[in-house]
Protein backbone atom coordinates (compact mmCIF):
# COMPACT_ATOMS: atom_id res chain seq x y z
CA MET A 1 73.06 126.38 51.59
CA GLU A 2 70.82 127.96 49.01
CA PRO A 3 71.48 131.45 47.61
CA ALA A 4 68.66 133.13 49.57
CA GLU A 5 67.67 132.32 53.12
CA THR A 6 67.01 135.45 55.12
CA PRO A 7 63.47 135.95 56.53
CA ASP A 8 62.72 138.97 54.36
CA GLU A 9 64.62 137.69 51.35
CA TYR A 10 61.66 137.78 48.98
CA TYR A 11 60.16 141.11 49.90
CA TYR A 12 60.97 144.12 47.82
CA TYR A 13 59.70 146.52 50.46
CA GLU A 14 59.57 146.59 54.20
CA GLU A 15 57.97 149.19 56.45
CA THR A 16 60.38 150.67 58.99
CA GLU A 17 59.62 152.18 62.37
CA ASN A 18 59.19 155.66 60.89
CA ASN A 19 56.66 154.29 58.36
CA THR A 20 58.94 154.83 55.34
CA MET A 21 59.35 152.16 52.71
CA CYS A 22 62.64 150.42 51.92
CA ASP A 23 63.33 149.48 48.33
CA TYR A 24 65.33 146.23 48.17
CA PRO A 25 66.85 145.48 44.77
CA MET A 26 66.93 141.73 44.16
CA TRP A 27 70.36 141.57 42.42
CA THR A 28 68.52 140.73 39.17
CA ALA A 29 71.50 141.51 36.94
CA SER A 30 73.65 139.01 38.86
CA ARG A 31 71.28 136.04 38.61
CA PRO A 32 72.71 134.62 35.35
CA LEU A 33 76.26 135.05 36.67
CA ILE A 34 75.44 133.30 39.96
CA SER A 35 73.65 130.46 38.15
CA VAL A 36 76.62 129.87 35.85
CA PHE A 37 78.95 130.03 38.84
CA LEU A 38 76.92 127.38 40.71
CA LEU A 39 77.02 125.06 37.69
CA LEU A 40 80.80 125.54 37.39
CA VAL A 41 81.28 124.67 41.07
CA PHE A 42 79.02 121.64 40.54
CA ILE A 43 81.18 120.33 37.67
CA LEU A 44 84.50 120.88 39.47
CA SER A 45 83.25 119.43 42.75
CA LEU A 46 81.62 116.43 41.08
CA PHE A 47 84.84 115.56 39.28
CA GLY A 48 87.28 116.31 42.11
CA ASN A 49 85.38 114.66 44.95
CA SER A 50 84.54 111.61 42.83
CA VAL A 51 88.26 111.11 42.17
CA VAL A 52 89.02 111.52 45.89
CA ILE A 53 86.37 108.98 46.92
CA SER A 54 87.60 106.48 44.30
CA THR A 55 91.21 106.98 45.40
CA VAL A 56 90.35 106.48 49.07
CA TRP A 57 88.36 103.36 48.18
CA LYS A 58 91.44 101.93 46.44
CA VAL A 59 93.60 102.34 49.55
CA GLN A 60 90.86 101.51 52.06
CA ARG A 61 92.58 98.25 53.02
CA LYS A 62 95.32 100.29 54.71
CA ARG A 63 92.75 101.78 57.09
CA GLN A 64 94.62 105.03 57.53
CA ALA A 65 92.61 107.41 59.67
CA ALA A 66 93.31 110.42 57.47
CA PHE A 67 92.16 108.63 54.33
CA LEU A 68 88.92 107.56 55.99
CA TYR A 69 88.20 111.10 57.14
CA ILE A 70 89.19 112.57 53.76
CA GLY A 71 86.93 110.09 51.96
CA ASN A 72 83.94 110.97 54.14
CA LEU A 73 84.69 114.68 53.78
CA ALA A 74 84.66 114.24 50.00
CA LEU A 75 81.36 112.37 50.32
CA ALA A 76 79.87 115.26 52.29
CA ASP A 77 81.10 117.76 49.70
CA LEU A 78 79.69 115.58 46.94
CA ALA A 79 76.30 115.43 48.66
CA PHE A 80 76.35 119.21 48.94
CA THR A 81 77.23 119.47 45.26
CA VAL A 82 74.19 117.49 44.12
CA SER A 83 71.87 120.34 45.06
CA LEU A 84 73.73 123.06 43.15
CA PRO A 85 72.04 122.56 39.74
CA LEU A 86 68.63 122.91 41.40
CA TRP A 87 69.64 126.09 43.20
CA ALA A 88 71.12 127.39 39.93
CA VAL A 89 67.74 126.92 38.23
CA TYR A 90 66.00 128.44 41.26
CA THR A 91 68.22 131.52 41.03
CA ALA A 92 67.93 131.86 37.25
CA MET A 93 64.09 131.67 37.50
CA ASP A 94 63.95 134.64 39.88
CA ASN A 95 63.61 132.50 43.02
CA HIS A 96 60.89 130.29 41.57
CA TRP A 97 60.95 126.65 42.77
CA PRO A 98 59.37 124.35 40.16
CA PHE A 99 60.49 121.04 41.70
CA GLY A 100 57.77 120.45 44.31
CA MET A 101 57.63 120.37 48.10
CA ALA A 102 59.27 116.96 48.59
CA LEU A 103 62.40 117.93 46.70
CA CYS A 104 62.49 121.28 48.50
CA LYS A 105 62.61 119.46 51.84
CA ILE A 106 65.06 116.75 50.72
CA ILE A 107 67.57 119.08 49.06
CA SER A 108 67.48 121.51 52.00
CA TYR A 109 68.03 118.59 54.39
CA VAL A 110 70.97 117.26 52.35
CA ASP A 111 72.52 120.73 52.28
CA LEU A 112 72.38 121.05 56.06
CA LEU A 113 73.53 117.47 56.55
CA SER A 114 76.59 117.95 54.35
CA MET A 115 77.48 121.28 55.98
CA TYR A 116 77.36 119.83 59.49
CA ALA A 117 79.18 116.65 58.42
CA SER A 118 81.96 118.64 56.74
CA VAL A 119 82.76 120.79 59.75
CA PHE A 120 82.47 117.88 62.21
CA LEU A 121 84.75 115.70 60.07
CA LEU A 122 87.32 118.49 59.92
CA THR A 123 87.12 118.71 63.71
CA CYS A 124 87.68 114.96 63.99
CA MET A 125 90.64 115.18 61.62
CA SER A 126 92.16 117.97 63.71
CA PHE A 127 91.64 115.99 66.91
CA ASP A 128 93.15 112.91 65.25
CA ARG A 129 96.28 114.90 64.34
CA TYR A 130 96.41 116.23 67.91
CA LEU A 131 96.36 112.68 69.32
CA ALA A 132 98.85 111.43 66.74
CA ILE A 133 101.39 114.17 67.47
CA VAL A 134 100.88 115.26 71.07
CA HIS A 135 99.87 111.86 72.51
CA SER A 136 101.40 109.51 69.96
CA LEU A 137 102.78 107.16 72.61
CA SER A 138 99.89 107.12 75.07
CA TRP A 139 96.79 107.01 72.85
CA PRO A 140 96.17 103.72 71.04
CA CYS A 141 94.02 104.93 68.14
CA THR A 142 92.37 101.93 66.46
CA GLY A 143 90.18 101.42 63.42
CA SER A 144 87.13 100.92 65.63
CA HIS A 145 87.60 104.37 67.19
CA ILE A 146 87.81 105.96 63.75
CA TYR A 147 84.74 104.20 62.39
CA ALA A 148 82.79 105.02 65.55
CA SER A 149 83.66 108.73 65.29
CA ILE A 150 82.65 108.84 61.60
CA VAL A 151 79.33 107.12 62.28
CA ALA A 152 78.70 109.52 65.19
CA VAL A 153 79.40 112.49 62.90
CA TRP A 154 76.83 111.40 60.33
CA ILE A 155 74.18 110.58 62.97
CA LEU A 156 74.66 113.91 64.77
CA SER A 157 74.61 115.81 61.46
CA GLY A 158 71.40 114.03 60.47
CA LEU A 159 69.70 114.93 63.74
CA LEU A 160 70.76 118.58 63.59
CA SER A 161 69.45 118.83 60.02
CA THR A 162 65.91 117.66 60.81
CA PRO A 163 64.49 121.25 61.00
CA ALA A 164 64.89 121.39 57.23
CA LEU A 165 62.55 118.42 56.85
CA VAL A 166 60.05 119.87 59.31
CA PHE A 167 59.98 123.58 58.44
CA ARG A 168 61.09 123.76 54.78
CA THR A 169 58.16 124.00 52.41
CA THR A 170 56.96 125.61 49.20
CA LEU A 171 54.98 128.84 49.39
CA ASP A 172 53.38 130.92 46.63
CA ASP A 173 53.90 134.67 46.55
CA LEU A 174 50.96 137.08 46.64
CA SER A 175 50.73 137.25 42.86
CA GLY A 176 50.79 133.47 42.48
CA ASN A 177 53.46 133.67 39.80
CA ARG A 178 56.30 132.26 41.87
CA THR A 179 56.77 129.43 44.33
CA PHE A 180 59.43 129.76 47.01
CA CYS A 181 61.35 127.06 48.85
CA LYS A 182 61.83 128.54 52.29
CA LEU A 183 61.43 128.12 56.03
CA ASP A 184 57.86 128.43 57.29
CA PHE A 185 56.95 128.32 60.99
CA ARG A 186 53.27 129.24 60.64
CA PHE A 187 51.96 125.78 61.44
CA VAL A 188 53.52 125.92 64.93
CA ILE A 189 53.21 129.65 65.72
CA THR A 190 51.09 132.51 64.42
CA SER A 191 52.87 135.63 65.66
CA ALA A 192 55.34 137.30 63.31
CA HIS A 193 57.51 138.24 66.30
CA GLN A 194 57.61 134.62 67.47
CA ALA A 195 58.50 133.54 63.94
CA SER A 196 61.42 135.97 63.97
CA LEU A 197 62.62 134.60 67.30
CA LEU A 198 62.33 131.02 66.08
CA TYR A 199 64.23 131.85 62.91
CA ALA A 200 66.88 133.62 64.99
CA GLY A 201 67.28 130.51 67.16
CA PHE A 202 67.59 128.34 64.08
CA SER A 203 70.13 130.70 62.50
CA PHE A 204 72.24 131.08 65.66
CA SER A 205 72.29 127.31 66.28
CA LEU A 206 73.42 126.76 62.71
CA SER A 207 76.26 129.27 62.96
CA THR A 208 77.24 128.21 66.49
CA LEU A 209 77.06 124.43 66.27
CA GLY A 210 77.85 124.24 62.58
CA PHE A 211 80.79 126.62 62.53
CA LEU A 212 81.92 128.57 65.60
CA VAL A 213 82.24 125.78 68.19
CA PRO A 214 83.97 123.33 65.79
CA LEU A 215 86.28 126.11 64.60
CA LEU A 216 87.29 126.92 68.17
CA ALA A 217 87.96 123.21 68.80
CA MET A 218 90.21 123.10 65.73
CA VAL A 219 92.08 126.21 66.86
CA VAL A 220 92.69 124.63 70.28
CA CYS A 221 93.93 121.40 68.68
CA TYR A 222 96.33 123.19 66.37
CA GLY A 223 97.47 125.50 69.16
CA LEU A 224 98.46 122.48 71.28
CA ILE A 225 100.07 120.85 68.24
CA GLY A 226 102.04 124.05 67.61
CA CYS A 227 103.33 124.08 71.19
CA THR A 228 104.45 120.44 70.87
CA VAL A 229 106.15 121.09 67.54
CA PHE A 230 107.94 124.12 68.98
CA ARG A 231 109.24 122.15 71.98
CA HIS A 232 110.46 119.18 69.92
CA PHE A 233 111.38 120.96 66.70
CA ASN A 234 115.00 119.88 66.76
CA THR A 235 114.26 116.26 67.66
CA CYS A 236 111.92 115.43 64.79
CA ARG A 237 112.82 112.10 63.22
CA LYS A 238 112.83 111.52 59.49
CA GLY A 239 110.22 108.85 59.99
CA ASP A 240 107.80 111.55 61.14
CA GLN A 241 107.93 113.42 57.83
CA ARG A 242 104.74 111.80 56.60
CA LYS A 243 102.99 112.82 59.84
CA TRP A 244 104.00 116.45 59.40
CA GLN A 245 103.08 116.40 55.72
CA LEU A 246 99.62 115.16 56.60
CA LEU A 247 99.34 117.83 59.29
CA LYS A 248 100.13 120.50 56.70
CA VAL A 249 97.44 119.20 54.36
CA ILE A 250 94.75 119.06 57.04
CA THR A 251 95.72 122.47 58.45
CA THR A 252 95.43 124.02 55.01
CA VAL A 253 92.03 122.39 54.43
CA VAL A 254 90.78 123.76 57.78
CA VAL A 255 92.10 127.27 57.05
CA VAL A 256 90.50 127.30 53.59
CA PHE A 257 87.22 126.05 55.09
CA ALA A 258 87.25 128.88 57.65
CA VAL A 259 88.07 131.55 55.05
CA CYS A 260 85.29 130.35 52.74
CA TRP A 261 82.58 130.13 55.41
CA ILE A 262 83.36 133.10 57.71
CA PRO A 263 81.78 135.76 55.40
CA TYR A 264 78.60 133.68 55.04
CA HIS A 265 78.13 133.19 58.77
CA VAL A 266 79.01 136.81 59.58
CA VAL A 267 76.43 138.19 57.12
CA ARG A 268 73.85 135.64 58.26
CA THR A 269 74.36 136.44 61.95
CA VAL A 270 74.36 140.21 61.44
CA GLY A 271 71.17 139.93 59.38
CA THR A 272 69.50 137.92 62.14
CA LEU A 273 70.56 140.45 64.78
CA SER A 274 69.20 143.22 62.57
CA ASP A 275 65.84 141.46 62.34
CA LEU A 276 65.81 141.38 66.16
CA ASN A 277 66.56 145.14 66.22
CA LEU A 278 69.96 144.50 67.80
CA PHE A 279 71.75 146.11 64.85
CA PRO A 280 71.00 149.29 62.89
CA ASP A 281 67.61 148.99 61.17
CA THR A 282 68.19 151.47 58.34
CA CYS A 283 67.24 150.81 54.74
CA ALA A 284 70.83 151.17 53.54
CA PHE A 285 72.10 148.65 56.09
CA LYS A 286 69.43 146.06 55.25
CA ARG A 287 69.97 146.62 51.54
CA SER A 288 73.72 146.01 51.87
CA LEU A 289 73.10 142.75 53.74
CA LEU A 290 70.60 141.57 51.16
CA LEU A 291 73.01 142.31 48.33
CA ALA A 292 75.98 140.72 50.10
CA TYR A 293 74.24 137.49 51.10
CA PRO A 294 74.24 135.64 47.74
CA TYR A 295 77.90 136.44 47.12
CA THR A 296 79.03 135.24 50.54
CA ALA A 297 77.02 132.07 49.88
CA CYS A 298 78.88 131.64 46.58
CA VAL A 299 82.21 131.96 48.40
CA ALA A 300 81.05 129.23 50.78
CA TYR A 301 80.09 127.01 47.83
CA ILE A 302 83.64 127.20 46.48
CA ASN A 303 84.85 125.19 49.46
CA SER A 304 83.07 122.06 48.21
CA CYS A 305 85.33 121.88 45.15
CA LEU A 306 88.62 123.15 46.59
CA ASN A 307 89.57 120.25 48.88
CA PRO A 308 90.45 117.72 46.14
CA PHE A 309 92.80 120.23 44.54
CA LEU A 310 94.39 121.00 47.90
CA TYR A 311 95.06 117.30 48.47
CA ALA A 312 96.64 116.97 45.02
CA PHE A 313 98.71 120.13 45.40
CA LEU A 314 100.02 119.53 48.92
CA ASP A 315 100.31 115.74 49.13
CA LEU A 316 102.54 114.08 46.54
CA ARG A 317 101.46 110.56 47.50
CA PHE A 318 97.80 111.40 47.22
CA ARG A 319 98.42 113.10 43.89
CA SER A 320 100.25 110.03 42.65
CA ARG A 321 97.33 107.78 43.59
CA CYS A 322 94.86 110.10 41.85
CA LEU A 323 96.97 110.11 38.70
CA GLN A 324 97.15 106.34 38.79
CA LEU A 325 93.39 106.18 39.09
CA LEU A 326 93.01 108.49 36.10
CA GLN A 327 95.77 106.57 34.24
CA LEU A 328 97.69 109.80 33.75
CA LYS A 329 100.83 109.02 35.74
CA LYS A 330 102.66 107.44 32.82
CA TYR A 331 102.11 110.61 30.79
CA CYS A 332 103.14 112.94 33.61
CA HIS A 333 106.40 111.04 34.13
CA LYS A 334 107.13 110.27 30.48
CA PRO A 335 110.80 111.06 29.78
CA THR A 336 111.45 113.82 27.29
CA ARG A 337 114.00 113.63 24.51
CA VAL A 338 116.84 116.07 24.35
């Protein structure tokens, strides 16, 4: 998601109910820092997720469910990464979009698509671990089930992302010096109040369907897995070690995903509630939200480059395959002379 997305993100002043004016600083001093940060995340994510996709492709013949999900998750992160250089330029140019309307719509659509796909794939991975551990004897998970679930994830994500294609557009500011890439509902409604309600519905659906509901499903899956592990802790066979190792990797990826995205969705939801006058409508409160938003978005961006490093750190077999792909294994295991 791009660095700025709140309805009043581009306005320096807003008239409150008592007819006073709110001065909203636009975090100008932080723009170069945020732009450099986005480019750094782009480089790390491009490298890490490309290695993951290549590694998964090499072992695709084994048709392991986890590898298929991990590969598609890396693909979603990679798609998200592609937009970061454009948003870095957008931020550095004081929220000026020089790339045209078509690219504004496409990049916004890809961002939403990758965000939905990431969280849905993590949910599928959690459910897969639940079936593999809690119902390992009664649920015959086949390759066709896995491929069907992955295809369903991408189709559903594509459908939920269509508002970006419909409502994202380029708009000039009053001075004509800048062009914004933002949501615009004016061609379907004319009332500012209705626009606020429509934006609120869009924002709540994004946070609910794209984060809260999948996160609750993951928590339920891991809660049931935890109960099963607790009951059978002393009867775990050595042959199940790989299963538990994979569970640890996926659990860590889910936890990191939640930690990275919770601040973003909290600030976004509180800002939407404030626009609907369901939260305090003071200048100081709105100013704090506006200042916090780009930094919570940056924390969310970090998630797109962390997963490959988590796989390499937590899973020795996956790390070994990555090193083989990079032709580094022989150097890492080269014997040293005494």
